[in-house]
Amino acid sequence: MRASKWFWVAVVVAALVLLVSAQEKPTVKQGPIQRVSQASGEKMFQSYCAVCHGTDGRGDGPAAAALKNPPADLTALAAKNGGKYPSMRVMSVIRGDSGYAAHGSKEMPVWGPLFRSISGGHDAEVGQRITNLTKYIETLQTK
């Protein structure tokens, strides 16, 4: 018995679906934010940022391949700003005031509200988190 042409069309479509799904990027699973001491910008960076930006801030973290837009190379912020580290802009991005598309999307959380939630709404602690994280990112700048 000969198979109908629709059977073969279905086989080809199924093969294409399998091929495309095998080539899709992995997904990033999001979980609840863990509380890390606000005193250490480095520890916060490693806990909150390195998964996408990489431990050295170059944008090559383990989750980077799963993102639609590649994470920024945080080591080049000063170089892209005439050699001066843009601390106020970095703070604004972290806080969520910047309007950068990557921050606040499903891929990149706005850290201000997340820091507020783990800080019990204490504005001073949120400010310390953002300041210490900003200062740590400054230490990653290439010379």
N, C-alpha and C. Protein backbone atom coordinates (compact mmCIF):
# COMPACT_ATOMS: atom_id res chain seq x y z
N MET A 1 0.84 -1.17 0.00
CA MET A 1 0.00 0.00 0.00
C MET A 1 0.90 1.24 0.00
N ARG A 2 0.60 2.18 -0.89
CA ARG A 2 1.37 3.42 -0.99
C ARG A 2 0.83 4.46 -0.02
N ALA A 3 1.75 5.17 0.61
CA ALA A 3 1.34 6.24 1.51
C ALA A 3 0.87 7.43 0.69
N SER A 4 -0.12 8.14 1.20
CA SER A 4 -0.64 9.30 0.49
C SER A 4 0.36 10.46 0.55
N LYS A 5 0.17 11.40 -0.34
CA LYS A 5 1.08 12.55 -0.34
C LYS A 5 0.93 13.35 0.95
N TRP A 6 -0.23 13.33 1.59
CA TRP A 6 -0.43 14.08 2.84
C TRP A 6 0.36 13.46 3.99
N PHE A 7 0.52 12.16 3.92
CA PHE A 7 1.36 11.50 4.93
C PHE A 7 2.78 12.03 4.83
N TRP A 8 3.30 12.12 3.61
CA TRP A 8 4.68 12.60 3.42
C TRP A 8 4.81 14.08 3.75
N VAL A 9 3.78 14.85 3.46
CA VAL A 9 3.79 16.27 3.85
C VAL A 9 3.87 16.38 5.37
N ALA A 10 3.08 15.56 6.06
CA ALA A 10 3.10 15.57 7.53
C ALA A 10 4.47 15.15 8.06
N VAL A 11 5.10 14.16 7.45
CA VAL A 11 6.43 13.72 7.88
C VAL A 11 7.44 14.85 7.69
N VAL A 12 7.41 15.55 6.58
CA VAL A 12 8.35 16.65 6.31
C VAL A 12 8.12 17.79 7.30
N VAL A 13 6.86 18.13 7.54
CA VAL A 13 6.55 19.21 8.50
C VAL A 13 7.04 18.83 9.89
N ALA A 14 6.80 17.61 10.31
CA ALA A 14 7.25 17.16 11.63
C ALA A 14 8.78 17.22 11.73
N ALA A 15 9.45 16.82 10.68
CA ALA A 15 10.92 16.87 10.68
C ALA A 15 11.41 18.30 10.78
N LEU A 16 10.77 19.22 10.07
CA LEU A 16 11.16 20.63 10.14
C LEU A 16 10.92 21.20 11.53
N VAL A 17 9.80 20.85 12.13
CA VAL A 17 9.50 21.33 13.49
C VAL A 17 10.57 20.83 14.46
N LEU A 18 10.93 19.57 14.36
CA LEU A 18 11.97 19.02 15.23
C LEU A 18 13.31 19.70 14.99
N LEU A 19 13.64 19.97 13.74
CA LEU A 19 14.90 20.62 13.42
C LEU A 19 14.95 22.03 13.99
N VAL A 20 13.88 22.80 13.81
CA VAL A 20 13.83 24.16 14.32
C VAL A 20 13.87 24.18 15.84
N SER A 21 13.11 23.31 16.49
CA SER A 21 13.08 23.31 17.95
C SER A 21 14.41 22.88 18.53
N ALA A 22 15.15 22.06 17.84
CA ALA A 22 16.48 21.64 18.32
C ALA A 22 17.48 22.79 18.24
N GLN A 23 17.23 23.76 17.35
CA GLN A 23 18.15 24.87 17.18
C GLN A 23 17.78 26.10 17.99
N GLU A 24 16.66 26.07 18.68
CA GLU A 24 16.24 27.22 19.47
C GLU A 24 17.18 27.42 20.65
N LYS A 25 17.28 28.67 21.06
CA LYS A 25 18.12 28.99 22.21
C LYS A 25 17.50 28.43 23.48
N PRO A 26 18.34 28.10 24.46
CA PRO A 26 17.79 27.65 25.73
C PRO A 26 17.05 28.80 26.41
N THR A 27 16.16 28.46 27.31
CA THR A 27 15.42 29.49 28.03
C THR A 27 16.06 29.72 29.39
N VAL A 28 15.83 30.91 29.91
CA VAL A 28 16.33 31.26 31.23
C VAL A 28 15.19 31.09 32.21
N LYS A 29 15.40 30.29 33.22
CA LYS A 29 14.37 30.11 34.24
C LYS A 29 14.60 31.14 35.33
N GLN A 30 13.55 31.84 35.67
CA GLN A 30 13.64 32.85 36.71
C GLN A 30 13.07 32.29 38.00
N GLY A 31 13.71 32.64 39.08
CA GLY A 31 13.24 32.21 40.38
C GLY A 31 13.19 33.41 41.31
N PRO A 32 12.83 33.19 42.54
CA PRO A 32 12.77 34.31 43.48
C PRO A 32 14.16 34.86 43.74
N ILE A 33 14.23 36.16 43.97
CA ILE A 33 15.49 36.83 44.25
C ILE A 33 15.97 36.43 45.66
N GLN A 34 17.23 36.11 45.76
CA GLN A 34 17.82 35.74 47.04
C GLN A 34 18.37 36.98 47.73
N ARG A 35 18.26 37.01 49.03
CA ARG A 35 18.77 38.16 49.78
C ARG A 35 20.28 37.99 49.98
N VAL A 36 21.03 38.95 49.47
CA VAL A 36 22.48 39.01 49.62
C VAL A 36 22.78 40.33 50.32
N SER A 37 23.77 40.34 51.18
CA SER A 37 24.11 41.54 51.94
C SER A 37 24.31 42.75 51.04
N GLN A 38 23.72 43.85 51.43
CA GLN A 38 23.87 45.10 50.67
C GLN A 38 25.24 45.72 50.85
N ALA A 39 26.03 45.22 51.78
CA ALA A 39 27.33 45.80 52.07
C ALA A 39 28.37 45.49 51.00
N SER A 40 28.18 44.42 50.24
CA SER A 40 29.18 44.02 49.26
C SER A 40 28.64 44.11 47.84
N GLY A 41 29.12 45.11 47.10
CA GLY A 41 28.75 45.24 45.71
C GLY A 41 29.18 44.03 44.90
N GLU A 42 30.35 43.48 45.23
CA GLU A 42 30.85 42.31 44.50
C GLU A 42 29.94 41.11 44.70
N LYS A 43 29.53 40.85 45.94
CA LYS A 43 28.64 39.70 46.19
C LYS A 43 27.29 39.89 45.51
N MET A 44 26.78 41.10 45.53
CA MET A 44 25.51 41.35 44.84
C MET A 44 25.68 41.13 43.34
N PHE A 45 26.79 41.63 42.78
CA PHE A 45 27.02 41.45 41.35
C PHE A 45 27.07 39.97 41.00
N GLN A 46 27.82 39.20 41.78
CA GLN A 46 27.94 37.76 41.50
C GLN A 46 26.59 37.06 41.63
N SER A 47 25.76 37.49 42.56
CA SER A 47 24.46 36.85 42.77
C SER A 47 23.39 37.31 41.79
N TYR A 48 23.39 38.59 41.45
CA TYR A 48 22.30 39.14 40.67
C TYR A 48 22.64 39.42 39.20
N CYS A 49 23.88 39.69 38.90
CA CYS A 49 24.24 40.18 37.56
C CYS A 49 25.07 39.21 36.72
N ALA A 50 25.92 38.42 37.40
CA ALA A 50 26.89 37.59 36.69
C ALA A 50 26.25 36.51 35.82
N VAL A 51 25.06 36.07 36.14
CA VAL A 51 24.43 35.03 35.34
C VAL A 51 24.26 35.49 33.89
N CYS A 52 24.06 36.77 33.68
CA CYS A 52 23.94 37.31 32.32
C CYS A 52 25.20 38.05 31.88
N HIS A 53 25.71 38.92 32.76
CA HIS A 53 26.85 39.76 32.40
C HIS A 53 28.19 39.07 32.57
N GLY A 54 28.22 37.90 33.18
CA GLY A 54 29.48 37.18 33.41
C GLY A 54 30.17 37.64 34.67
N THR A 55 31.00 36.80 35.23
CA THR A 55 31.67 37.15 36.49
C THR A 55 32.60 38.34 36.33
N ASP A 56 33.10 38.56 35.12
CA ASP A 56 33.98 39.71 34.89
C ASP A 56 33.25 40.89 34.25
N GLY A 57 31.94 40.77 34.02
CA GLY A 57 31.13 41.87 33.51
C GLY A 57 31.16 42.06 32.01
N ARG A 58 31.72 41.13 31.27
CA ARG A 58 31.88 41.30 29.82
C ARG A 58 30.65 40.89 29.00
N GLY A 59 29.59 40.45 29.66
CA GLY A 59 28.37 40.09 28.94
C GLY A 59 28.32 38.65 28.48
N ASP A 60 29.18 37.82 29.07
CA ASP A 60 29.27 36.43 28.62
C ASP A 60 28.90 35.43 29.71
N GLY A 61 27.89 35.77 30.50
CA GLY A 61 27.45 34.88 31.57
C GLY A 61 26.77 33.64 31.01
N PRO A 62 26.55 32.64 31.85
CA PRO A 62 25.97 31.38 31.39
C PRO A 62 24.57 31.51 30.80
N ALA A 63 23.83 32.53 31.16
CA ALA A 63 22.48 32.70 30.61
C ALA A 63 22.46 33.61 29.38
N ALA A 64 23.58 34.20 29.03
CA ALA A 64 23.63 35.16 27.92
C ALA A 64 23.14 34.56 26.61
N ALA A 65 23.47 33.32 26.35
CA ALA A 65 23.08 32.69 25.08
C ALA A 65 21.57 32.53 24.96
N ALA A 66 20.86 32.53 26.07
CA ALA A 66 19.42 32.33 26.04
C ALA A 66 18.65 33.63 25.84
N LEU A 67 19.34 34.75 25.86
CA LEU A 67 18.67 36.04 25.77
C LEU A 67 18.54 36.51 24.33
N LYS A 68 17.45 37.19 24.03
CA LYS A 68 17.22 37.72 22.69
C LYS A 68 18.24 38.82 22.40
N ASN A 69 18.48 39.70 23.36
CA ASN A 69 19.46 40.77 23.22
C ASN A 69 20.65 40.44 24.11
N PRO A 70 21.86 40.52 23.58
CA PRO A 70 23.03 40.18 24.39
C PRO A 70 23.20 41.17 25.55
N PRO A 71 23.64 40.68 26.70
CA PRO A 71 23.88 41.58 27.82
C PRO A 71 25.02 42.56 27.51
N ALA A 72 24.95 43.72 28.10
CA ALA A 72 25.98 44.74 27.88
C ALA A 72 27.31 44.29 28.46
N ASP A 73 28.38 44.74 27.81
CA ASP A 73 29.73 44.58 28.34
C ASP A 73 29.92 45.71 29.34
N LEU A 74 29.78 45.40 30.61
CA LEU A 74 29.85 46.42 31.65
C LEU A 74 31.25 46.94 31.87
N THR A 75 32.26 46.29 31.30
CA THR A 75 33.65 46.74 31.46
C THR A 75 33.96 47.90 30.53
N ALA A 76 33.09 48.18 29.57
CA ALA A 76 33.36 49.22 28.57
C ALA A 76 32.52 50.48 28.78
N LEU A 77 31.85 50.60 29.90
CA LEU A 77 30.97 51.75 30.12
C LEU A 77 31.74 53.07 30.12
N ALA A 78 32.87 53.10 30.81
CA ALA A 78 33.67 54.33 30.86
C ALA A 78 34.24 54.63 29.47
N ALA A 79 34.74 53.62 28.79
CA ALA A 79 35.33 53.83 27.47
C ALA A 79 34.30 54.40 26.49
N LYS A 80 33.07 53.95 26.61
CA LYS A 80 32.01 54.45 25.73
C LYS A 80 31.51 55.83 26.15
N ASN A 81 31.98 56.31 27.28
CA ASN A 81 31.55 57.60 27.82
C ASN A 81 32.74 58.56 27.92
N GLY A 82 33.63 58.50 26.95
CA GLY A 82 34.77 59.42 26.93
C GLY A 82 35.77 59.19 28.04
N GLY A 83 35.83 57.99 28.58
CA GLY A 83 36.79 57.67 29.64
C GLY A 83 36.28 57.93 31.05
N LYS A 84 35.08 58.44 31.19
CA LYS A 84 34.52 58.74 32.51
C LYS A 84 33.39 57.76 32.81
N TYR A 85 33.50 57.09 33.95
CA TYR A 85 32.48 56.13 34.34
C TYR A 85 31.16 56.85 34.61
N PRO A 86 30.08 56.47 33.94
CA PRO A 86 28.79 57.16 34.08
C PRO A 86 27.98 56.65 35.28
N SER A 87 28.45 56.94 36.47
CA SER A 87 27.83 56.36 37.67
C SER A 87 26.35 56.71 37.82
N MET A 88 25.98 57.94 37.50
CA MET A 88 24.57 58.32 37.65
C MET A 88 23.69 57.55 36.66
N ARG A 89 24.19 57.33 35.46
CA ARG A 89 23.42 56.57 34.47
C ARG A 89 23.32 55.11 34.90
N VAL A 90 24.41 54.55 35.43
CA VAL A 90 24.39 53.16 35.89
C VAL A 90 23.39 53.01 37.04
N MET A 91 23.41 53.95 37.97
CA MET A 91 22.46 53.90 39.08
C MET A 91 21.02 53.98 38.56
N SER A 92 20.80 54.83 37.57
CA SER A 92 19.48 54.99 37.00
C SER A 92 19.00 53.70 36.33
N VAL A 93 19.90 53.02 35.64
CA VAL A 93 19.55 51.76 34.98
C VAL A 93 19.20 50.70 36.02
N ILE A 94 20.04 50.59 37.05
CA ILE A 94 19.78 49.59 38.09
C ILE A 94 18.46 49.87 38.80
N ARG A 95 18.24 51.13 39.11
CA ARG A 95 17.02 51.53 39.83
C ARG A 95 15.78 51.32 38.97
N GLY A 96 15.93 51.45 37.65
CA GLY A 96 14.80 51.28 36.75
C GLY A 96 14.25 52.58 36.23
N ASP A 97 15.01 53.65 36.37
CA ASP A 97 14.56 54.97 35.92
C ASP A 97 15.03 55.32 34.52
N SER A 98 15.85 54.48 33.92
CA SER A 98 16.55 54.86 32.69
C SER A 98 15.74 54.75 31.42
N GLY A 99 14.81 53.83 31.38
CA GLY A 99 14.06 53.62 30.15
C GLY A 99 14.79 52.75 29.14
N TYR A 100 15.94 52.16 29.51
CA TYR A 100 16.63 51.24 28.61
C TYR A 100 15.75 50.03 28.41
N ALA A 101 15.60 49.63 27.17
CA ALA A 101 14.68 48.54 26.83
C ALA A 101 15.08 47.23 27.50
N ALA A 102 16.37 46.95 27.61
CA ALA A 102 16.79 45.66 28.17
C ALA A 102 16.42 45.55 29.64
N HIS A 103 16.42 46.66 30.35
CA HIS A 103 16.10 46.63 31.77
C HIS A 103 14.60 46.80 31.95
N GLY A 104 14.02 45.84 32.61
CA GLY A 104 12.58 45.89 32.82
C GLY A 104 11.82 44.96 31.89
N SER A 105 12.54 44.37 30.95
CA SER A 105 11.88 43.40 30.07
C SER A 105 11.83 42.07 30.81
N LYS A 106 11.28 41.07 30.14
CA LYS A 106 11.26 39.75 30.74
C LYS A 106 12.68 39.22 30.91
N GLU A 107 13.61 39.72 30.08
CA GLU A 107 14.99 39.24 30.16
C GLU A 107 15.77 39.92 31.28
N MET A 108 15.58 41.21 31.46
CA MET A 108 16.39 41.95 32.43
C MET A 108 15.48 42.63 33.44
N PRO A 109 15.54 42.20 34.67
CA PRO A 109 14.67 42.83 35.68
C PRO A 109 15.14 44.22 36.05
N VAL A 110 14.20 45.02 36.49
CA VAL A 110 14.52 46.32 37.09
C VAL A 110 14.83 46.01 38.55
N TRP A 111 16.03 46.31 38.97
CA TRP A 111 16.46 45.89 40.30
C TRP A 111 15.92 46.75 41.43
N GLY A 112 15.58 48.01 41.15
CA GLY A 112 15.08 48.88 42.22
C GLY A 112 13.91 48.26 42.98
N PRO A 113 12.83 47.90 42.30
CA PRO A 113 11.69 47.29 43.00
C PRO A 113 12.04 45.94 43.63
N LEU A 114 12.92 45.17 42.98
CA LEU A 114 13.31 43.89 43.57
C LEU A 114 14.12 44.11 44.84
N PHE A 115 15.03 45.08 44.80
CA PHE A 115 15.79 45.40 46.02
C PHE A 115 14.86 45.91 47.11
N ARG A 116 13.86 46.68 46.73
CA ARG A 116 12.90 47.20 47.72
C ARG A 116 12.14 46.05 48.37
N SER A 117 11.80 45.04 47.58
CA SER A 117 11.04 43.92 48.14
C SER A 117 11.88 43.10 49.12
N ILE A 118 13.16 42.88 48.82
CA ILE A 118 13.98 42.09 49.75
C ILE A 118 14.51 42.94 50.90
N SER A 119 14.36 44.26 50.78
CA SER A 119 14.81 45.15 51.86
C SER A 119 13.65 45.58 52.75
N GLY A 120 12.50 44.97 52.53
CA GLY A 120 11.35 45.30 53.36
C GLY A 120 10.90 46.74 53.18
N GLY A 121 11.17 47.33 52.02
CA GLY A 121 10.74 48.70 51.75
C GLY A 121 11.62 49.76 52.37
N HIS A 122 12.75 49.39 52.96
CA HIS A 122 13.66 50.37 53.58
C HIS A 122 14.46 51.07 52.49
N ASP A 123 14.13 52.33 52.24
CA ASP A 123 14.77 53.09 51.17
C ASP A 123 16.28 53.23 51.36
N ALA A 124 16.73 53.37 52.60
CA ALA A 124 18.17 53.52 52.84
C ALA A 124 18.93 52.26 52.41
N GLU A 125 18.35 51.09 52.68
CA GLU A 125 19.00 49.84 52.28
C GLU A 125 18.98 49.69 50.76
N VAL A 126 17.89 50.07 50.13
CA VAL A 126 17.80 50.02 48.67
C VAL A 126 18.87 50.93 48.07
N GLY A 127 18.98 52.13 48.60
CA GLY A 127 20.00 53.07 48.12
C GLY A 127 21.41 52.53 48.30
N GLN A 128 21.66 51.88 49.43
CA GLN A 128 22.98 51.31 49.67
C GLN A 128 23.27 50.19 48.68
N ARG A 129 22.29 49.37 48.40
CA ARG A 129 22.46 48.28 47.42
C ARG A 129 22.84 48.86 46.05
N ILE A 130 22.08 49.85 45.60
CA ILE A 130 22.32 50.42 44.28
C ILE A 130 23.68 51.12 44.23
N THR A 131 24.01 51.86 45.28
CA THR A 131 25.30 52.56 45.34
C THR A 131 26.46 51.57 45.34
N ASN A 132 26.40 50.54 46.17
CA ASN A 132 27.51 49.58 46.25
C ASN A 132 27.65 48.76 44.97
N LEU A 133 26.54 48.43 44.36
CA LEU A 133 26.60 47.70 43.09
C LEU A 133 27.20 48.60 42.00
N THR A 134 26.80 49.86 41.96
CA THR A 134 27.35 50.82 41.00
C THR A 134 28.85 51.00 41.19
N LYS A 135 29.28 51.12 42.43
CA LYS A 135 30.71 51.27 42.72
C LYS A 135 31.49 50.01 42.31
N TYR A 136 30.90 48.85 42.53
CA TYR A 136 31.60 47.63 42.12
C TYR A 136 31.74 47.56 40.59
N ILE A 137 30.70 47.89 39.88
CA ILE A 137 30.76 47.87 38.42
C ILE A 137 31.85 48.84 37.93
N GLU A 138 32.04 49.93 38.65
CA GLU A 138 33.12 50.86 38.28
C GLU A 138 34.47 50.19 38.35
N THR A 139 34.67 49.27 39.29
CA THR A 139 35.96 48.60 39.41
C THR A 139 36.22 47.64 38.24
N LEU A 140 35.20 47.30 37.49
CA LEU A 140 35.34 46.38 36.35
C LEU A 140 35.78 47.07 35.07
N GLN A 141 35.84 48.40 35.09
CA GLN A 141 36.15 49.15 33.86
C GLN A 141 37.56 48.85 33.37
N THR A 142 37.65 48.67 32.05
CA THR A 142 38.96 48.45 31.43
C THR A 142 39.73 49.75 31.44
N LYS A 143 41.02 49.62 31.60
CA LYS A 143 41.89 50.81 31.67
C LYS A 143 42.37 51.18 30.30
